[in-house]
Structures are given as structure tokens and as C-alpha cells.
Amino acid sequence: MTRKHHFLVSYILNDQPQSTEVESEAETLSIDQARFHIAALHTAEKPADITDVQVTRILHPKAPGSTPGHYQQP
């Protein structure tokens, strides 16, 4: 079984801070790879509108179903 690595990708899109989690088999995620993932999420946006991309490795990802109840949709 291949171990998955998790990364938090933070960025600015149209002057609004955003973030997403990326799962990868690689131990590292470059800024360019992160930009590729962000562009795939926001296909209607111009790549130039995505700025300040930062990648942080998540050492202890959340367990599925561990989101506190007040953050879950009914």
C-alpha cells in the first residue's frame, strides 16, 4: 500500500484568501504542482488571478468523520 501525504495549499484568488488540501503519493509538493491543482479547482478563473501560493505539509491529517458537529451540514 502506498502512503499518501497531505498538504495544505494556501493562496489568494481575486484578493480573497483561500486554501485547499491536496493528497499526493509524493513526499513533497512544489509550488508549480500546487498551482496546477488550484487551477483545476478554479477553471473559470485566469491563472494570473491566483497569487501568493504556499504549501505546508500536514503531518497529522484529520481522521474521516472527525469534524466537530457544529461544522457539519445537517
PDB file of N, CA and C in Angstrom:
ATOM      1  N   MET A   1       0.844  -1.176   0.000  1.00  0.00           N
ATOM      2  CA  MET A   1       0.000   0.000   0.000  1.00  0.00           C
ATOM      3  C   MET A   1       0.896   1.249   0.000  1.00  0.00           C
ATOM      4  N   THR A   2       0.595   2.166  -0.875  1.00  0.00           N
ATOM      5  CA  THR A   2       1.361   3.400  -0.982  1.00  0.00           C
ATOM      6  C   THR A   2       0.858   4.398   0.056  1.00  0.00           C
ATOM      7  N   ARG A   3       1.795   5.016   0.735  1.00  0.00           N
ATOM      8  CA  ARG A   3       1.434   6.010   1.753  1.00  0.00           C
ATOM      9  C   ARG A   3       1.088   7.330   1.085  1.00  0.00           C
ATOM     10  N   LYS A   4       0.003   7.920   1.497  1.00  0.00           N
ATOM     11  CA  LYS A   4      -0.423   9.214   0.980  1.00  0.00           C
ATOM     12  C   LYS A   4       0.108  10.322   1.883  1.00  0.00           C
ATOM     13  N   HIS A   5       0.511  11.406   1.283  1.00  0.00           N
ATOM     14  CA  HIS A   5       0.975  12.579   2.010  1.00  0.00           C
ATOM     15  C   HIS A   5      -0.044  13.689   1.788  1.00  0.00           C
ATOM     16  N   HIS A   6      -0.255  14.495   2.815  1.00  0.00           N
ATOM     17  CA  HIS A   6      -1.262  15.551   2.759  1.00  0.00           C
ATOM     18  C   HIS A   6      -0.585  16.912   2.886  1.00  0.00           C
ATOM     19  N   PHE A   7      -1.100  17.856   2.096  1.00  0.00           N
ATOM     20  CA  PHE A   7      -0.546  19.207   2.087  1.00  0.00           C
ATOM     21  C   PHE A   7      -1.675  20.221   2.151  1.00  0.00           C
ATOM     22  N   LEU A   8      -1.433  21.307   2.858  1.00  0.00           N
ATOM     23  CA  LEU A   8      -2.344  22.435   2.869  1.00  0.00           C
ATOM     24  C   LEU A   8      -1.787  23.458   1.888  1.00  0.00           C
ATOM     25  N   VAL A   9      -2.584  23.812   0.905  1.00  0.00           N
ATOM     26  CA  VAL A   9      -2.178  24.796  -0.099  1.00  0.00           C
ATOM     27  C   VAL A   9      -2.999  26.060   0.152  1.00  0.00           C
ATOM     28  N   SER A  10      -2.326  27.133   0.494  1.00  0.00           N
ATOM     29  CA  SER A  10      -2.969  28.423   0.733  1.00  0.00           C
ATOM     30  C   SER A  10      -2.636  29.345  -0.433  1.00  0.00           C
ATOM     31  N   TYR A  11      -3.589  30.192  -0.800  1.00  0.00           N
ATOM     32  CA  TYR A  11      -3.377  31.082  -1.936  1.00  0.00           C
ATOM     33  C   TYR A  11      -4.379  32.226  -1.894  1.00  0.00           C
ATOM     34  N   ILE A  12      -4.150  33.204  -2.748  1.00  0.00           N
ATOM     35  CA  ILE A  12      -5.055  34.339  -2.899  1.00  0.00           C
ATOM     36  C   ILE A  12      -5.677  34.233  -4.286  1.00  0.00           C
ATOM     37  N   LEU A  13      -6.999  34.330  -4.338  1.00  0.00           N
ATOM     38  CA  LEU A  13      -7.723  34.308  -5.610  1.00  0.00           C
ATOM     39  C   LEU A  13      -8.663  35.498  -5.630  1.00  0.00           C
ATOM     40  N   ASN A  14      -8.448  36.406  -6.584  1.00  0.00           N
ATOM     41  CA  ASN A  14      -9.259  37.622  -6.690  1.00  0.00           C
ATOM     42  C   ASN A  14      -9.312  38.369  -5.351  1.00  0.00           C
ATOM     43  N   ASP A  15      -8.145  38.535  -4.749  1.00  0.00           N
ATOM     44  CA  ASP A  15      -7.985  39.271  -3.495  1.00  0.00           C
ATOM     45  C   ASP A  15      -8.665  38.608  -2.299  1.00  0.00           C
ATOM     46  N   GLN A  16      -9.010  37.330  -2.394  1.00  0.00           N
ATOM     47  CA  GLN A  16      -9.635  36.602  -1.294  1.00  0.00           C
ATOM     48  C   GLN A  16      -8.753  35.425  -0.883  1.00  0.00           C
ATOM     49  N   PRO A  17      -8.409  35.305   0.392  1.00  0.00           N
ATOM     50  CA  PRO A  17      -7.609  34.159   0.828  1.00  0.00           C
ATOM     51  C   PRO A  17      -8.404  32.862   0.691  1.00  0.00           C
ATOM     52  N   GLN A  18      -7.731  31.835   0.220  1.00  0.00           N
ATOM     53  CA  GLN A  18      -8.352  30.532   0.017  1.00  0.00           C
ATOM     54  C   GLN A  18      -7.366  29.467   0.472  1.00  0.00           C
ATOM     55  N   SER A  19      -7.860  28.258   0.657  1.00  0.00           N
ATOM     56  CA  SER A  19      -6.973  27.133   0.924  1.00  0.00           C
ATOM     57  C   SER A  19      -7.673  25.845   0.516  1.00  0.00           C
ATOM     58  N   THR A  20      -6.865  24.830   0.260  1.00  0.00           N
ATOM     59  CA  THR A  20      -7.378  23.513  -0.079  1.00  0.00           C
ATOM     60  C   THR A  20      -6.372  22.480   0.390  1.00  0.00           C
ATOM     61  N   GLU A  21      -6.853  21.275   0.633  1.00  0.00           N
ATOM     62  CA  GLU A  21      -5.953  20.180   0.990  1.00  0.00           C
ATOM     63  C   GLU A  21      -5.700  19.351  -0.254  1.00  0.00           C
ATOM     64  N   VAL A  22      -4.440  18.953  -0.434  1.00  0.00           N
ATOM     65  CA  VAL A  22      -4.036  18.131  -1.576  1.00  0.00           C
ATOM     66  C   VAL A  22      -3.415  16.852  -1.036  1.00  0.00           C
ATOM     67  N   GLU A  23      -3.837  15.735  -1.593  1.00  0.00           N
ATOM     68  CA  GLU A  23      -3.277  14.433  -1.222  1.00  0.00           C
ATOM     69  C   GLU A  23      -2.378  13.974  -2.358  1.00  0.00           C
ATOM     70  N   SER A  24      -1.199  13.474  -2.010  1.00  0.00           N
ATOM     71  CA  SER A  24      -0.230  13.075  -3.026  1.00  0.00           C
ATOM     72  C   SER A  24       0.561  11.858  -2.556  1.00  0.00           C
ATOM     73  N   GLU A  25       1.026  11.070  -3.511  1.00  0.00           N
ATOM     74  CA  GLU A  25       1.908   9.960  -3.168  1.00  0.00           C
ATOM     75  C   GLU A  25       3.345  10.444  -2.974  1.00  0.00           C
ATOM     76  N   ALA A  26       3.659  11.628  -3.517  1.00  0.00           N
ATOM     77  CA  ALA A  26       4.995  12.201  -3.378  1.00  0.00           C
ATOM     78  C   ALA A  26       5.166  12.798  -1.979  1.00  0.00           C
ATOM     79  N   GLU A  27       6.407  12.804  -1.494  1.00  0.00           N
ATOM     80  CA  GLU A  27       6.688  13.350  -0.168  1.00  0.00           C
ATOM     81  C   GLU A  27       6.739  14.869  -0.154  1.00  0.00           C
ATOM     82  N   THR A  28       6.830  15.470  -1.327  1.00  0.00           N
ATOM     83  CA  THR A  28       6.860  16.925  -1.426  1.00  0.00           C
ATOM     84  C   THR A  28       5.861  17.383  -2.477  1.00  0.00           C
ATOM     85  N   LEU A  29       5.466  18.632  -2.384  1.00  0.00           N
ATOM     86  CA  LEU A  29       4.577  19.243  -3.365  1.00  0.00           C
ATOM     87  C   LEU A  29       5.151  20.617  -3.685  1.00  0.00           C
ATOM     88  N   SER A  30       5.549  20.807  -4.935  1.00  0.00           N
ATOM     89  CA  SER A  30       6.147  22.084  -5.325  1.00  0.00           C
ATOM     90  C   SER A  30       5.063  23.143  -5.510  1.00  0.00           C
ATOM     91  N   ILE A  31       5.483  24.386  -5.539  1.00  0.00           N
ATOM     92  CA  ILE A  31       4.558  25.488  -5.794  1.00  0.00           C
ATOM     93  C   ILE A  31       3.890  25.305  -7.155  1.00  0.00           C
ATOM     94  N   ASP A  32       4.650  24.889  -8.169  1.00  0.00           N
ATOM     95  CA  ASP A  32       4.088  24.672  -9.505  1.00  0.00           C
ATOM     96  C   ASP A  32       3.048  23.564  -9.501  1.00  0.00           C
ATOM     97  N   GLN A  33       3.304  22.482  -8.773  1.00  0.00           N
ATOM     98  CA  GLN A  33       2.327  21.401  -8.676  1.00  0.00           C
ATOM     99  C   GLN A  33       1.068  21.885  -7.947  1.00  0.00           C
ATOM    100  N   ALA A  34       1.268  22.687  -6.917  1.00  0.00           N
ATOM    101  CA  ALA A  34       0.133  23.240  -6.183  1.00  0.00           C
ATOM    102  C   ALA A  34      -0.690  24.153  -7.093  1.00  0.00           C
ATOM    103  N   ARG A  35      -0.026  24.978  -7.892  1.00  0.00           N
ATOM    104  CA  ARG A  35      -0.733  25.852  -8.837  1.00  0.00           C
ATOM    105  C   ARG A  35      -1.581  25.037  -9.799  1.00  0.00           C
ATOM    106  N   PHE A  36      -1.061  23.900 -10.258  1.00  0.00           N
ATOM    107  CA  PHE A  36      -1.802  23.023 -11.166  1.00  0.00           C
ATOM    108  C   PHE A  36      -3.101  22.552 -10.490  1.00  0.00           C
ATOM    109  N   HIS A  37      -3.021  22.147  -9.241  1.00  0.00           N
ATOM    110  CA  HIS A  37      -4.205  21.701  -8.510  1.00  0.00           C
ATOM    111  C   HIS A  37      -5.207  22.837  -8.330  1.00  0.00           C
ATOM    112  N   ILE A  38      -4.704  24.021  -7.991  1.00  0.00           N
ATOM    113  CA  ILE A  38      -5.585  25.175  -7.790  1.00  0.00           C
ATOM    114  C   ILE A  38      -6.285  25.533  -9.102  1.00  0.00           C
ATOM    115  N   ALA A  39      -5.524  25.557 -10.198  1.00  0.00           N
ATOM    116  CA  ALA A  39      -6.115  25.896 -11.498  1.00  0.00           C
ATOM    117  C   ALA A  39      -7.197  24.895 -11.879  1.00  0.00           C
ATOM    118  N   ALA A  40      -7.008  23.618 -11.513  1.00  0.00           N
ATOM    119  CA  ALA A  40      -8.025  22.601 -11.815  1.00  0.00           C
ATOM    120  C   ALA A  40      -9.297  22.833 -10.994  1.00  0.00           C
ATOM    121  N   LEU A  41      -9.157  23.403  -9.805  1.00  0.00           N
ATOM    122  CA  LEU A  41     -10.324  23.703  -8.972  1.00  0.00           C
ATOM    123  C   LEU A  41     -11.084  24.926  -9.470  1.00  0.00           C
ATOM    124  N   HIS A  42     -10.364  25.861 -10.064  1.00  0.00           N
ATOM    125  CA  HIS A  42     -10.951  27.147 -10.468  1.00  0.00           C
ATOM    126  C   HIS A  42     -10.791  27.339 -11.980  1.00  0.00           C
ATOM    127  N   THR A  43     -11.390  26.460 -12.752  1.00  0.00           N
ATOM    128  CA  THR A  43     -11.210  26.501 -14.207  1.00  0.00           C
ATOM    129  C   THR A  43     -11.770  27.769 -14.848  1.00  0.00           C
ATOM    130  N   ALA A  44     -12.713  28.429 -14.198  1.00  0.00           N
ATOM    131  CA  ALA A  44     -13.299  29.647 -14.766  1.00  0.00           C
ATOM    132  C   ALA A  44     -12.421  30.877 -14.520  1.00  0.00           C
ATOM    133  N   GLU A  45     -11.404  30.737 -13.686  1.00  0.00           N
ATOM    134  CA  GLU A  45     -10.534  31.866 -13.350  1.00  0.00           C
ATOM    135  C   GLU A  45      -9.260  31.852 -14.184  1.00  0.00           C
ATOM    136  N   LYS A  46      -8.681  33.026 -14.365  1.00  0.00           N
ATOM    137  CA  LYS A  46      -7.404  33.120 -15.063  1.00  0.00           C
ATOM    138  C   LYS A  46      -6.277  32.731 -14.105  1.00  0.00           C
ATOM    139  N   PRO A  47      -5.306  31.950 -14.570  1.00  0.00           N
ATOM    140  CA  PRO A  47      -4.193  31.567 -13.687  1.00  0.00           C
ATOM    141  C   PRO A  47      -3.483  32.770 -13.066  1.00  0.00           C
ATOM    142  N   ALA A  48      -3.449  33.891 -13.764  1.00  0.00           N
ATOM    143  CA  ALA A  48      -2.783  35.081 -13.230  1.00  0.00           C
ATOM    144  C   ALA A  48      -3.510  35.648 -12.012  1.00  0.00           C
ATOM    145  N   ASP A  49      -4.780  35.272 -11.814  1.00  0.00           N
ATOM    146  CA  ASP A  49      -5.541  35.750 -10.658  1.00  0.00           C
ATOM    147  C   ASP A  49      -5.220  34.952  -9.387  1.00  0.00           C
ATOM    148  N   ILE A  50      -4.421  33.891  -9.519  1.00  0.00           N
ATOM    149  CA  ILE A  50      -4.023  33.062  -8.383  1.00  0.00           C
ATOM    150  C   ILE A  50      -2.623  33.507  -7.959  1.00  0.00           C
ATOM    151  N   THR A  51      -2.511  34.033  -6.743  1.00  0.00           N
ATOM    152  CA  THR A  51      -1.224  34.556  -6.278  1.00  0.00           C
ATOM    153  C   THR A  51      -0.902  34.023  -4.883  1.00  0.00           C
ATOM    154  N   ASP A  52       0.309  34.305  -4.435  1.00  0.00           N
ATOM    155  CA  ASP A  52       0.756  34.001  -3.069  1.00  0.00           C
ATOM    156  C   ASP A  52       0.528  32.542  -2.677  1.00  0.00           C
ATOM    157  N   VAL A  53       0.891  31.616  -3.555  1.00  0.00           N
ATOM    158  CA  VAL A  53       0.704  30.194  -3.286  1.00  0.00           C
ATOM    159  C   VAL A  53       1.739  29.733  -2.262  1.00  0.00           C
ATOM    160  N   GLN A  54       1.273  29.049  -1.217  1.00  0.00           N
ATOM    161  CA  GLN A  54       2.133  28.494  -0.182  1.00  0.00           C
ATOM    162  C   GLN A  54       1.723  27.046   0.071  1.00  0.00           C
ATOM    163  N   VAL A  55       2.706  26.190   0.300  1.00  0.00           N
ATOM    164  CA  VAL A  55       2.449  24.777   0.549  1.00  0.00           C
ATOM    165  C   VAL A  55       3.003  24.409   1.928  1.00  0.00           C
ATOM    166  N   THR A  56       2.161  23.761   2.729  1.00  0.00           N
ATOM    167  CA  THR A  56       2.559  23.288   4.048  1.00  0.00           C
ATOM    168  C   THR A  56       2.178  21.820   4.161  1.00  0.00           C
ATOM    169  N   ARG A  57       3.119  20.995   4.558  1.00  0.00           N
ATOM    170  CA  ARG A  57       2.824  19.578   4.737  1.00  0.00           C
ATOM    171  C   ARG A  57       2.011  19.387   6.012  1.00  0.00           C
ATOM    172  N   ILE A  58       0.976  18.574   5.924  1.00  0.00           N
ATOM    173  CA  ILE A  58       0.143  18.247   7.082  1.00  0.00           C
ATOM    174  C   ILE A  58       0.662  16.923   7.635  1.00  0.00           C
ATOM    175  N   LEU A  59       1.211  16.959   8.822  1.00  0.00           N
ATOM    176  CA  LEU A  59       1.810  15.758   9.394  1.00  0.00           C
ATOM    177  C   LEU A  59       0.780  14.803   9.986  1.00  0.00           C
ATOM    178  N   HIS A  60      -0.327  15.339  10.476  1.00  0.00           N
ATOM    179  CA  HIS A  60      -1.362  14.510  11.088  1.00  0.00           C
ATOM    180  C   HIS A  60      -2.708  14.876  10.484  1.00  0.00           C
ATOM    181  N   PRO A  61      -3.051  14.276   9.328  1.00  0.00           N
ATOM    182  CA  PRO A  61      -4.332  14.628   8.691  1.00  0.00           C
ATOM    183  C   PRO A  61      -5.513  14.225   9.576  1.00  0.00           C
ATOM    184  N   LYS A  62      -6.623  14.924   9.375  1.00  0.00           N
ATOM    185  CA  LYS A  62      -7.836  14.631  10.137  1.00  0.00           C
ATOM    186  C   LYS A  62      -8.351  13.236   9.786  1.00  0.00           C
ATOM    187  N   ALA A  63      -8.847  12.560  10.768  1.00  0.00           N
ATOM    188  CA  ALA A  63      -9.481  11.274  10.516  1.00  0.00           C
ATOM    189  C   ALA A  63     -10.861  11.531   9.912  1.00  0.00           C
ATOM    190  N   PRO A  64     -11.299  10.709   8.962  1.00  0.00           N
ATOM    191  CA  PRO A  64     -12.637  10.901   8.385  1.00  0.00           C
ATOM    192  C   PRO A  64     -13.700  10.893   9.477  1.00  0.00           C
ATOM    193  N   GLY A  65     -14.622  11.837   9.372  1.00  0.00           N
ATOM    194  CA  GLY A  65     -15.697  11.912  10.348  1.00  0.00           C
ATOM    195  C   GLY A  65     -15.319  12.573  11.655  1.00  0.00           C
ATOM    196  N   SER A  66     -14.142  13.207  11.709  1.00  0.00           N
ATOM    197  CA  SER A  66     -13.701  13.808  12.966  1.00  0.00           C
ATOM    198  C   SER A  66     -13.993  15.303  13.036  1.00  0.00           C
ATOM    199  N   THR A  67     -14.701  15.836  12.043  1.00  0.00           N
ATOM    200  CA  THR A  67     -15.049  17.254  12.058  1.00  0.00           C
ATOM    201  C   THR A  67     -16.051  17.507  13.176  1.00  0.00           C
ATOM    202  N   PRO A  68     -15.832  18.521  14.015  1.00  0.00           N
ATOM    203  CA  PRO A  68     -16.795  18.795  15.081  1.00  0.00           C
ATOM    204  C   PRO A  68     -18.196  18.997  14.523  1.00  0.00           C
ATOM    205  N   GLY A  69     -19.188  18.571  15.283  1.00  0.00           N
ATOM    206  CA  GLY A  69     -20.579  18.609  14.824  1.00  0.00           C
ATOM    207  C   GLY A  69     -21.054  19.971  14.386  1.00  0.00           C
ATOM    208  N   HIS A  70     -20.574  21.032  15.043  1.00  0.00           N
ATOM    209  CA  HIS A  70     -21.061  22.367  14.682  1.00  0.00           C
ATOM    210  C   HIS A  70     -20.506  22.848  13.346  1.00  0.00           C
ATOM    211  N   TYR A  71     -19.567  22.105  12.733  1.00  0.00           N
ATOM    212  CA  TYR A  71     -19.066  22.452  11.411  1.00  0.00           C
ATOM    213  C   TYR A  71     -19.690  21.593  10.322  1.00  0.00           C
ATOM    214  N   GLN A  72     -20.470  20.586  10.685  1.00  0.00           N
ATOM    215  CA  GLN A  72     -21.058  19.685   9.711  1.00  0.00           C
ATOM    216  C   GLN A  72     -22.411  20.186   9.245  1.00  0.00           C
ATOM    217  N   GLN A  73     -22.735  19.885   8.003  1.00  0.00           N
ATOM    218  CA  GLN A  73     -24.036  20.241   7.463  1.00  0.00           C
ATOM    219  C   GLN A  73     -25.087  19.263   8.012  1.00  0.00           C
ATOM    220  N   PRO A  74     -26.299  19.744   8.280  1.00  0.00           N
ATOM    221  CA  PRO A  74     -27.338  18.841   8.799  1.00  0.00           C
ATOM    222  C   PRO A  74     -27.793  17.850   7.722  1.00  0.00           C
TER     223      PRO A  74
END
